[in-house]
Amino acid sequence: MNSIMTEIETIYQKSSPSETWFCEDTIKLPNRASSYGDGLFETMVWDQDHIRFFDKHLLRLSGGMELLGLDFSMINSNELISLLASKFPKERKRIRWSVFRAGAGKYTPEESDLIQVLQIAEATLVSPIKKHVAVSKNVQLYPSLWSQFKTLNAMPYILANKEKKERGLDELILLDHRGYISEASIANIFWIKSGEYFTPSLSCGCINGISRQVLIDYLDSKNIPIHIGEFKLEELVNSEQVFVTNSSGVSYLENYQDKKFSIVPIAFLKELFN
């Protein structure tokens, strides 16, 4: 079987704890990923010989699997690292690791075995500056038991990015159902005012992003004030600098309505994420 699904992605699968990873660019249908979104994924960076912030990815994945009733002991992280080290030594890759429930059934699951899929592509950096920014007109987020995890049902983000493209924007800010800031279209959002950092709470329906966790930990370790809470748009508008983070890096937002933010790079962010 051809191991290249597209010009940029190589696909590996694993269907049971006893199997090793194998190259396969087709997935058997039906499955619970396509039928019900019954699974999770992690988007990660393979950086020459390790997965960046892998311990945090594993912790978030284990939390999501516990919620879905999937057995995390079936995950062999050392085997995954060995595969990537043997296939992509000294390379930088973007890894999407999908984990979903095996078996059939309707809405009620019949088993807790796993199917795992790796999609491996060239790692690309995000645009460092996003000039044209607005608030979504169509998408509101709702907190739930699963909203902090990256589930296979990404409908809000599909609709948000469709809206972003149609409106010719570089970034879209998403609010929760009460009007509090939640996150950006594919990233967590932070802003700075008087030397202090702010970011929405998970109670606003945002994903508990790995870069979000890393930055919060860093700020705490340096005794730099970081406020995590529920904030209206006025808080962001009155700030001095706004940026968004995800696994691909950091982007600074330049304009929102009539407000122009600083886009001077923050040195420690580059060190953390690039």
C-alpha atoms as a PDB file:
ATOM      1  CA  MET A   1       0.000   0.000   0.000  1.00  0.00           C
ATOM      2  CA  ASN A   2       1.265   3.453  -0.881  1.00  0.00           C
ATOM      3  CA  SER A   3       2.321   5.166   2.342  1.00  0.00           C
ATOM      4  CA  ILE A   4       1.730   8.659   0.941  1.00  0.00           C
ATOM      5  CA  MET A   5      -1.830   9.884   1.327  1.00  0.00           C
ATOM      6  CA  THR A   6      -0.988  13.269  -0.153  1.00  0.00           C
ATOM      7  CA  GLU A   7       2.268  14.912  -1.167  1.00  0.00           C
ATOM      8  CA  ILE A   8       2.799  16.031   2.415  1.00  0.00           C
ATOM      9  CA  GLU A   9       1.329  13.381   4.719  1.00  0.00           C
ATOM     10  CA  THR A  10       2.549   9.935   5.667  1.00  0.00           C
ATOM     11  CA  ILE A  11       0.039   7.765   7.500  1.00  0.00           C
ATOM     12  CA  TYR A  12       0.693   5.124  10.136  1.00  0.00           C
ATOM     13  CA  GLN A  13      -1.904   3.036  11.982  1.00  0.00           C
ATOM     14  CA  LYS A  14      -2.036   0.797  14.996  1.00  0.00           C
ATOM     15  CA  SER A  15      -5.075  -1.361  15.734  1.00  0.00           C
ATOM     16  CA  SER A  16      -4.199  -3.212  18.933  1.00  0.00           C
ATOM     17  CA  PRO A  17      -1.699  -3.068  21.796  1.00  0.00           C
ATOM     18  CA  SER A  18       0.165  -6.095  20.421  1.00  0.00           C
ATOM     19  CA  GLU A  19       0.613  -4.695  16.911  1.00  0.00           C
ATOM     20  CA  THR A  20       3.403  -2.416  15.816  1.00  0.00           C
ATOM     21  CA  TRP A  21       2.744   0.704  13.752  1.00  0.00           C
ATOM     22  CA  PHE A  22       2.237  -0.002  10.057  1.00  0.00           C
ATOM     23  CA  CYS A  23       2.040   2.213   6.966  1.00  0.00           C
ATOM     24  CA  GLU A  24      -1.530   2.379   5.672  1.00  0.00           C
ATOM     25  CA  ASP A  25      -3.273   5.252   3.922  1.00  0.00           C
ATOM     26  CA  THR A  26      -6.809   3.863   4.053  1.00  0.00           C
ATOM     27  CA  ILE A  27      -8.980   3.364   7.111  1.00  0.00           C
ATOM     28  CA  LYS A  28     -11.651   0.691   7.293  1.00  0.00           C
ATOM     29  CA  LEU A  29     -15.240   1.949   7.210  1.00  0.00           C
ATOM     30  CA  PRO A  30     -17.465   2.177   9.089  1.00  0.00           C
ATOM     31  CA  ASN A  31     -15.595   3.164  12.224  1.00  0.00           C
ATOM     32  CA  ARG A  32     -16.534   5.093  15.327  1.00  0.00           C
ATOM     33  CA  ALA A  33     -14.348   8.049  14.407  1.00  0.00           C
ATOM     34  CA  SER A  34     -16.275   8.787  11.215  1.00  0.00           C
ATOM     35  CA  SER A  35     -19.677   7.672  12.524  1.00  0.00           C
ATOM     36  CA  TYR A  36     -19.704   9.321  15.945  1.00  0.00           C
ATOM     37  CA  GLY A  37     -16.509  11.292  16.478  1.00  0.00           C
ATOM     38  CA  ASP A  38     -15.802   8.838  19.287  1.00  0.00           C
ATOM     39  CA  GLY A  39     -12.207   9.785  19.929  1.00  0.00           C
ATOM     40  CA  LEU A  40      -9.557  12.412  20.478  1.00  0.00           C
ATOM     41  CA  PHE A  41      -6.467  13.814  18.826  1.00  0.00           C
ATOM     42  CA  GLU A  42      -3.263  15.608  19.714  1.00  0.00           C
ATOM     43  CA  THR A  43      -1.380  17.907  17.361  1.00  0.00           C
ATOM     44  CA  MET A  44       2.310  17.784  18.204  1.00  0.00           C
ATOM     45  CA  VAL A  45       5.733  18.854  16.966  1.00  0.00           C
ATOM     46  CA  TRP A  46       8.440  16.245  16.397  1.00  0.00           C
ATOM     47  CA  ASP A  47      11.687  18.178  16.864  1.00  0.00           C
ATOM     48  CA  GLN A  48      14.571  16.042  15.554  1.00  0.00           C
ATOM     49  CA  ASP A  49      14.608  13.498  18.381  1.00  0.00           C
ATOM     50  CA  HIS A  50      11.658  14.225  20.668  1.00  0.00           C
ATOM     51  CA  ILE A  51       8.053  15.387  20.736  1.00  0.00           C
ATOM     52  CA  ARG A  52       7.898  18.881  22.143  1.00  0.00           C
ATOM     53  CA  PHE A  53       6.002  19.063  25.473  1.00  0.00           C
ATOM     54  CA  PHE A  54       5.143  15.365  25.126  1.00  0.00           C
ATOM     55  CA  ASP A  55       4.411  14.916  28.832  1.00  0.00           C
ATOM     56  CA  LYS A  56       1.656  17.534  28.635  1.00  0.00           C
ATOM     57  CA  HIS A  57       0.199  15.964  25.488  1.00  0.00           C
ATOM     58  CA  LEU A  58       0.076  12.585  27.220  1.00  0.00           C
ATOM     59  CA  LEU A  59      -1.573  14.065  30.301  1.00  0.00           C
ATOM     60  CA  ARG A  60      -4.291  15.796  28.250  1.00  0.00           C
ATOM     61  CA  LEU A  61      -4.840  12.672  26.151  1.00  0.00           C
ATOM     62  CA  SER A  62      -5.152  10.490  29.254  1.00  0.00           C
ATOM     63  CA  GLY A  63      -7.743  12.872  30.712  1.00  0.00           C
ATOM     64  CA  GLY A  64      -9.818  12.761  27.546  1.00  0.00           C
ATOM     65  CA  MET A  65      -9.538   8.980  27.318  1.00  0.00           C
ATOM     66  CA  GLU A  66     -10.676   8.606  30.916  1.00  0.00           C
ATOM     67  CA  LEU A  67     -13.738  10.718  30.111  1.00  0.00           C
ATOM     68  CA  LEU A  68     -14.553   8.509  27.105  1.00  0.00           C
ATOM     69  CA  GLY A  69     -13.894   5.294  29.019  1.00  0.00           C
ATOM     70  CA  LEU A  70     -10.863   4.341  26.911  1.00  0.00           C
ATOM     71  CA  ASP A  71      -7.946   2.426  28.405  1.00  0.00           C
ATOM     72  CA  PHE A  72      -4.852   4.633  28.502  1.00  0.00           C
ATOM     73  CA  SER A  73      -2.670   1.597  29.325  1.00  0.00           C
ATOM     74  CA  MET A  74      -3.045   0.661  25.639  1.00  0.00           C
ATOM     75  CA  ILE A  75      -0.970   3.729  24.743  1.00  0.00           C
ATOM     76  CA  ASN A  76       2.724   2.919  24.319  1.00  0.00           C
ATOM     77  CA  SER A  77       4.447   6.286  24.183  1.00  0.00           C
ATOM     78  CA  ASN A  78       7.950   4.786  23.973  1.00  0.00           C
ATOM     79  CA  GLU A  79       6.984   2.806  20.889  1.00  0.00           C
ATOM     80  CA  LEU A  80       5.640   5.974  19.275  1.00  0.00           C
ATOM     81  CA  ILE A  81       8.883   7.837  19.964  1.00  0.00           C
ATOM     82  CA  SER A  82      10.918   4.932  18.584  1.00  0.00           C
ATOM     83  CA  LEU A  83       8.896   4.927  15.372  1.00  0.00           C
ATOM     84  CA  LEU A  84       9.401   8.649  14.795  1.00  0.00           C
ATOM     85  CA  ALA A  85      13.099   8.473  15.680  1.00  0.00           C
ATOM     86  CA  SER A  86      13.670   5.672  13.185  1.00  0.00           C
ATOM     87  CA  LYS A  87      11.673   7.241  10.350  1.00  0.00           C
ATOM     88  CA  PHE A  88      12.373  10.962  10.820  1.00  0.00           C
ATOM     89  CA  PRO A  89      15.754  11.436  12.533  1.00  0.00           C
ATOM     90  CA  LYS A  90      16.995  15.032  12.669  1.00  0.00           C
ATOM     91  CA  GLU A  91      13.776  16.272  11.031  1.00  0.00           C
ATOM     92  CA  ARG A  92      11.025  18.590  12.206  1.00  0.00           C
ATOM     93  CA  LYS A  93       7.507  17.305  11.604  1.00  0.00           C
ATOM     94  CA  ARG A  94       3.936  18.086  12.484  1.00  0.00           C
ATOM     95  CA  ILE A  95       2.233  15.058  14.024  1.00  0.00           C
ATOM     96  CA  ARG A  96      -1.507  14.561  14.327  1.00  0.00           C
ATOM     97  CA  TRP A  97      -2.144  11.610  16.610  1.00  0.00           C
ATOM     98  CA  SER A  98      -5.745  10.398  16.538  1.00  0.00           C
ATOM     99  CA  VAL A  99      -7.006   7.873  19.086  1.00  0.00           C
ATOM    100  CA  PHE A 100     -10.514   6.481  18.700  1.00  0.00           C
ATOM    101  CA  ARG A 101     -12.639   3.610  19.910  1.00  0.00           C
ATOM    102  CA  ALA A 102     -12.544   0.382  17.931  1.00  0.00           C
ATOM    103  CA  GLY A 103     -15.579  -1.767  17.206  1.00  0.00           C
ATOM    104  CA  ALA A 104     -19.112  -1.160  16.066  1.00  0.00           C
ATOM    105  CA  GLY A 105     -22.289  -0.347  17.955  1.00  0.00           C
ATOM    106  CA  LYS A 106     -24.607   2.606  17.782  1.00  0.00           C
ATOM    107  CA  TYR A 107     -24.358   5.453  20.262  1.00  0.00           C
ATOM    108  CA  THR A 108     -23.666   3.002  23.083  1.00  0.00           C
ATOM    109  CA  PRO A 109     -20.053   1.748  22.802  1.00  0.00           C
ATOM    110  CA  GLU A 110     -19.533  -2.007  22.754  1.00  0.00           C
ATOM    111  CA  GLU A 111     -15.823  -2.051  23.623  1.00  0.00           C
ATOM    112  CA  SER A 112     -12.905   0.105  24.719  1.00  0.00           C
ATOM    113  CA  ASP A 113     -10.107  -1.093  22.414  1.00  0.00           C
ATOM    114  CA  LEU A 114      -8.308   1.539  20.387  1.00  0.00           C
ATOM    115  CA  ILE A 115      -7.373   2.417  16.857  1.00  0.00           C
ATOM    116  CA  GLN A 116      -4.532   4.908  16.533  1.00  0.00           C
ATOM    117  CA  VAL A 117      -3.604   6.925  13.461  1.00  0.00           C
ATOM    118  CA  LEU A 118      -0.567   9.137  12.883  1.00  0.00           C
ATOM    119  CA  GLN A 119      -0.606  11.806  10.169  1.00  0.00           C
ATOM    120  CA  ILE A 120       2.896  13.136   9.639  1.00  0.00           C
ATOM    121  CA  ALA A 121       3.621  16.277   7.616  1.00  0.00           C
ATOM    122  CA  GLU A 122       6.209  18.999   7.336  1.00  0.00           C
ATOM    123  CA  ALA A 123       6.165  21.369  10.297  1.00  0.00           C
ATOM    124  CA  THR A 124       5.284  24.901   9.251  1.00  0.00           C
ATOM    125  CA  LEU A 125       5.424  28.067  11.315  1.00  0.00           C
ATOM    126  CA  VAL A 126       2.368  30.240  11.773  1.00  0.00           C
ATOM    127  CA  SER A 127       2.259  33.769  10.451  1.00  0.00           C
ATOM    128  CA  PRO A 128       3.973  35.933  13.097  1.00  0.00           C
ATOM    129  CA  ILE A 129       1.495  38.797  12.633  1.00  0.00           C
ATOM    130  CA  LYS A 130      -2.250  38.651  11.961  1.00  0.00           C
ATOM    131  CA  LYS A 131      -3.450  42.025  10.774  1.00  0.00           C
ATOM    132  CA  HIS A 132      -7.199  41.704  10.286  1.00  0.00           C
ATOM    133  CA  VAL A 133      -9.109  40.422  13.305  1.00  0.00           C
ATOM    134  CA  ALA A 134     -12.798  40.341  14.213  1.00  0.00           C
ATOM    135  CA  VAL A 135     -15.229  38.554  16.501  1.00  0.00           C
ATOM    136  CA  SER A 136     -17.198  35.629  15.117  1.00  0.00           C
ATOM    137  CA  LYS A 137     -20.785  36.387  14.123  1.00  0.00           C
ATOM    138  CA  ASN A 138     -21.776  32.736  13.863  1.00  0.00           C
ATOM    139  CA  VAL A 139     -19.990  30.644  16.485  1.00  0.00           C
ATOM    140  CA  GLN A 140     -20.362  30.647  20.252  1.00  0.00           C
ATOM    141  CA  LEU A 141     -18.636  28.141  22.516  1.00  0.00           C
ATOM    142  CA  TYR A 142     -20.128  26.250  25.437  1.00  0.00           C
ATOM    143  CA  PRO A 143     -18.218  24.675  28.315  1.00  0.00           C
ATOM    144  CA  SER A 144     -18.756  20.952  28.764  1.00  0.00           C
ATOM    145  CA  LEU A 145     -17.079  17.892  30.230  1.00  0.00           C
ATOM    146  CA  TRP A 146     -15.140  17.532  26.956  1.00  0.00           C
ATOM    147  CA  SER A 147     -14.615  21.114  25.752  1.00  0.00           C
ATOM    148  CA  GLN A 148     -11.065  21.338  27.136  1.00  0.00           C
ATOM    149  CA  PHE A 149      -9.963  18.306  25.089  1.00  0.00           C
ATOM    150  CA  LYS A 150      -9.335  18.007  21.346  1.00  0.00           C
ATOM    151  CA  THR A 151     -12.149  15.700  20.286  1.00  0.00           C
ATOM    152  CA  LEU A 152     -12.838  14.363  16.803  1.00  0.00           C
ATOM    153  CA  ASN A 153     -15.949  16.554  16.662  1.00  0.00           C
ATOM    154  CA  ALA A 154     -14.473  19.954  15.735  1.00  0.00           C
ATOM    155  CA  MET A 155     -17.608  21.503  14.230  1.00  0.00           C
ATOM    156  CA  PRO A 156     -17.317  24.908  16.008  1.00  0.00           C
ATOM    157  CA  TYR A 157     -13.796  25.347  14.661  1.00  0.00           C
ATOM    158  CA  ILE A 158     -14.762  24.239  11.159  1.00  0.00           C
ATOM    159  CA  LEU A 159     -17.532  26.837  11.074  1.00  0.00           C
ATOM    160  CA  ALA A 160     -15.283  29.491  12.609  1.00  0.00           C
ATOM    161  CA  ASN A 161     -12.533  28.983  10.044  1.00  0.00           C
ATOM    162  CA  LYS A 162     -15.073  28.912   7.226  1.00  0.00           C
ATOM    163  CA  GLU A 163     -16.372  32.265   8.475  1.00  0.00           C
ATOM    164  CA  LYS A 164     -12.828  33.627   8.809  1.00  0.00           C
ATOM    165  CA  LYS A 165     -12.067  32.747   5.197  1.00  0.00           C
ATOM    166  CA  GLU A 166     -15.344  34.149   3.872  1.00  0.00           C
ATOM    167  CA  ARG A 167     -14.804  37.455   5.711  1.00  0.00           C
ATOM    168  CA  GLY A 168     -11.205  37.763   4.521  1.00  0.00           C
ATOM    169  CA  LEU A 169      -9.813  37.811   8.067  1.00  0.00           C
ATOM    170  CA  ASP A 170      -6.487  36.656   9.446  1.00  0.00           C
ATOM    171  CA  GLU A 171      -7.963  35.675  12.803  1.00  0.00           C
ATOM    172  CA  LEU A 172     -11.344  35.277  14.430  1.00  0.00           C
ATOM    173  CA  ILE A 173     -12.054  35.701  18.142  1.00  0.00           C
ATOM    174  CA  LEU A 174     -14.626  33.300  19.575  1.00  0.00           C
ATOM    175  CA  LEU A 175     -16.861  34.199  22.513  1.00  0.00           C
ATOM    176  CA  ASP A 176     -18.741  31.829  24.764  1.00  0.00           C
ATOM    177  CA  HIS A 177     -22.535  31.791  24.942  1.00  0.00           C
ATOM    178  CA  ARG A 178     -22.484  34.514  27.621  1.00  0.00           C
ATOM    179  CA  GLY A 179     -20.281  36.891  25.667  1.00  0.00           C
ATOM    180  CA  TYR A 180     -16.997  36.186  27.453  1.00  0.00           C
ATOM    181  CA  ILE A 181     -13.794  35.793  25.424  1.00  0.00           C
ATOM    182  CA  SER A 182     -13.000  32.110  24.856  1.00  0.00           C
ATOM    183  CA  GLU A 183     -10.252  31.610  22.277  1.00  0.00           C
ATOM    184  CA  ALA A 184      -9.246  32.188  18.652  1.00  0.00           C
ATOM    185  CA  SER A 185     -10.236  30.083  15.644  1.00  0.00           C
ATOM    186  CA  ILE A 186      -7.483  27.473  16.151  1.00  0.00           C
ATOM    187  CA  ALA A 187      -5.527  28.844  19.098  1.00  0.00           C
ATOM    188  CA  ASN A 188      -5.701  30.074  22.667  1.00  0.00           C
ATOM    189  CA  ILE A 189      -5.624  33.814  23.239  1.00  0.00           C
ATOM    190  CA  PHE A 190      -3.616  35.982  25.649  1.00  0.00           C
ATOM    191  CA  TRP A 191      -3.307  39.713  26.167  1.00  0.00           C
ATOM    192  CA  ILE A 192      -1.064  42.030  28.175  1.00  0.00           C
ATOM    193  CA  LYS A 193      -1.944  45.118  30.166  1.00  0.00           C
ATOM    194  CA  SER A 194       0.513  47.025  32.376  1.00  0.00           C
ATOM    195  CA  GLY A 195       2.946  44.130  32.325  1.00  0.00           C
ATOM    196  CA  GLU A 196       0.355  41.576  33.437  1.00  0.00           C
ATOM    197  CA  TYR A 197      -0.949  38.676  31.329  1.00  0.00           C
ATOM    198  CA  PHE A 198      -4.555  37.585  30.880  1.00  0.00           C
ATOM    199  CA  THR A 199      -6.195  34.533  29.311  1.00  0.00           C
ATOM    200  CA  PRO A 200      -9.710  33.020  29.448  1.00  0.00           C
ATOM    201  CA  SER A 201     -10.636  30.329  31.920  1.00  0.00           C
ATOM    202  CA  LEU A 202     -11.626  26.842  30.744  1.00  0.00           C
ATOM    203  CA  SER A 203     -15.097  27.759  32.056  1.00  0.00           C
ATOM    204  CA  CYS A 204     -15.429  29.833  28.856  1.00  0.00           C
ATOM    205  CA  GLY A 205     -15.337  26.694  26.699  1.00  0.00           C
ATOM    206  CA  CYS A 206     -11.795  26.993  25.342  1.00  0.00           C
ATOM    207  CA  ILE A 207      -9.473  24.067  24.712  1.00  0.00           C
ATOM    208  CA  ASN A 208      -6.802  23.510  27.331  1.00  0.00           C
ATOM    209  CA  GLY A 209      -4.038  24.042  24.792  1.00  0.00           C
ATOM    210  CA  ILE A 210      -0.582  22.663  25.410  1.00  0.00           C
ATOM    211  CA  SER A 211       1.083  25.974  24.548  1.00  0.00           C
ATOM    212  CA  ARG A 212      -1.413  27.635  26.913  1.00  0.00           C
ATOM    213  CA  GLN A 213      -0.311  25.316  29.710  1.00  0.00           C
ATOM    214  CA  VAL A 214       3.385  25.839  28.965  1.00  0.00           C
ATOM    215  CA  LEU A 215       3.038  29.619  28.993  1.00  0.00           C
ATOM    216  CA  ILE A 216       1.001  29.694  32.213  1.00  0.00           C
ATOM    217  CA  ASP A 217       3.601  27.468  33.903  1.00  0.00           C
ATOM    218  CA  TYR A 218       6.423  29.700  32.663  1.00  0.00           C
ATOM    219  CA  LEU A 219       4.774  32.898  33.873  1.00  0.00           C
ATOM    220  CA  ASP A 220       4.106  31.341  37.273  1.00  0.00           C
ATOM    221  CA  SER A 221       7.729  30.179  37.533  1.00  0.00           C
ATOM    222  CA  LYS A 222       8.965  33.715  36.838  1.00  0.00           C
ATOM    223  CA  ASN A 223       6.429  35.348  39.186  1.00  0.00           C
ATOM    224  CA  ILE A 224       4.935  37.268  36.251  1.00  0.00           C
ATOM    225  CA  PRO A 225       1.253  38.011  36.990  1.00  0.00           C
ATOM    226  CA  ILE A 226      -1.137  35.859  34.953  1.00  0.00           C
ATOM    227  CA  HIS A 227      -4.899  36.286  35.361  1.00  0.00           C
ATOM    228  CA  ILE A 228      -7.101  33.372  34.275  1.00  0.00           C
ATOM    229  CA  GLY A 229     -10.778  34.246  34.300  1.00  0.00           C
ATOM    230  CA  GLU A 230     -13.925  35.347  32.509  1.00  0.00           C
ATOM    231  CA  PHE A 231     -13.386  38.540  30.524  1.00  0.00           C
ATOM    232  CA  LYS A 232     -15.535  40.678  28.250  1.00  0.00           C
ATOM    233  CA  LEU A 233     -14.181  42.105  24.995  1.00  0.00           C
ATOM    234  CA  GLU A 234     -13.574  45.463  26.643  1.00  0.00           C
ATOM    235  CA  GLU A 235     -10.717  43.902  28.594  1.00  0.00           C
ATOM    236  CA  LEU A 236      -8.984  42.873  25.403  1.00  0.00           C
ATOM    237  CA  VAL A 237      -9.653  46.192  23.655  1.00  0.00           C
ATOM    238  CA  ASN A 238      -8.079  48.066  26.556  1.00  0.00           C
ATOM    239  CA  SER A 239      -4.922  45.945  26.490  1.00  0.00           C
ATOM    240  CA  GLU A 240      -1.596  46.793  24.914  1.00  0.00           C
ATOM    241  CA  GLN A 241      -0.708  43.540  23.168  1.00  0.00           C
ATOM    242  CA  VAL A 242      -2.653  40.461  22.078  1.00  0.00           C
ATOM    243  CA  PHE A 243      -1.313  37.146  20.823  1.00  0.00           C
ATOM    244  CA  VAL A 244      -2.530  33.630  20.127  1.00  0.00           C
ATOM    245  CA  THR A 245      -0.714  30.333  20.700  1.00  0.00           C
ATOM    246  CA  ASN A 246      -0.965  26.799  19.410  1.00  0.00           C
ATOM    247  CA  SER A 247       1.387  23.933  18.591  1.00  0.00           C
ATOM    248  CA  SER A 248       2.685  25.805  15.531  1.00  0.00           C
ATOM    249  CA  GLY A 249       3.849  28.848  17.476  1.00  0.00           C
ATOM    250  CA  VAL A 250       2.809  32.382  18.391  1.00  0.00           C
ATOM    251  CA  SER A 251       1.023  35.043  16.311  1.00  0.00           C
ATOM    252  CA  TYR A 252       0.541  38.672  17.343  1.00  0.00           C
ATOM    253  CA  LEU A 253      -2.768  40.348  16.546  1.00  0.00           C
ATOM    254  CA  GLU A 254      -2.311  43.814  15.053  1.00  0.00           C
ATOM    255  CA  ASN A 255      -5.745  45.377  14.620  1.00  0.00           C
ATOM    256  CA  TYR A 256      -9.189  44.953  16.114  1.00  0.00           C
ATOM    257  CA  GLN A 257     -11.784  47.496  14.980  1.00  0.00           C
ATOM    258  CA  ASP A 258     -10.086  50.876  15.580  1.00  0.00           C
ATOM    259  CA  LYS A 259      -7.569  49.518  18.089  1.00  0.00           C
ATOM    260  CA  LYS A 260      -3.965  48.877  17.053  1.00  0.00           C
ATOM    261  CA  PHE A 261      -1.930  46.551  19.269  1.00  0.00           C
ATOM    262  CA  SER A 262       1.818  46.265  19.685  1.00  0.00           C
ATOM    263  CA  ILE A 263       3.397  43.561  17.526  1.00  0.00           C
ATOM    264  CA  VAL A 264       6.886  43.796  19.021  1.00  0.00           C
ATOM    265  CA  PRO A 265       7.955  40.163  19.599  1.00  0.00           C
ATOM    266  CA  ILE A 266       8.261  38.957  23.179  1.00  0.00           C
ATOM    267  CA  ALA A 267      11.680  37.329  23.522  1.00  0.00           C
ATOM    268  CA  PHE A 268      10.778  34.530  25.926  1.00  0.00           C
ATOM    269  CA  LEU A 269       7.823  33.425  23.743  1.00  0.00           C
ATOM    270  CA  LYS A 270      10.204  32.782  20.860  1.00  0.00           C
ATOM    271  CA  GLU A 271      12.451  30.769  23.152  1.00  0.00           C
ATOM    272  CA  LEU A 272       9.518  28.713  24.443  1.00  0.00           C
ATOM    273  CA  PHE A 273       7.795  27.886  21.173  1.00  0.00           C
ATOM    274  CA  ASN A 274      10.253  28.218  18.296  1.00  0.00           C
END
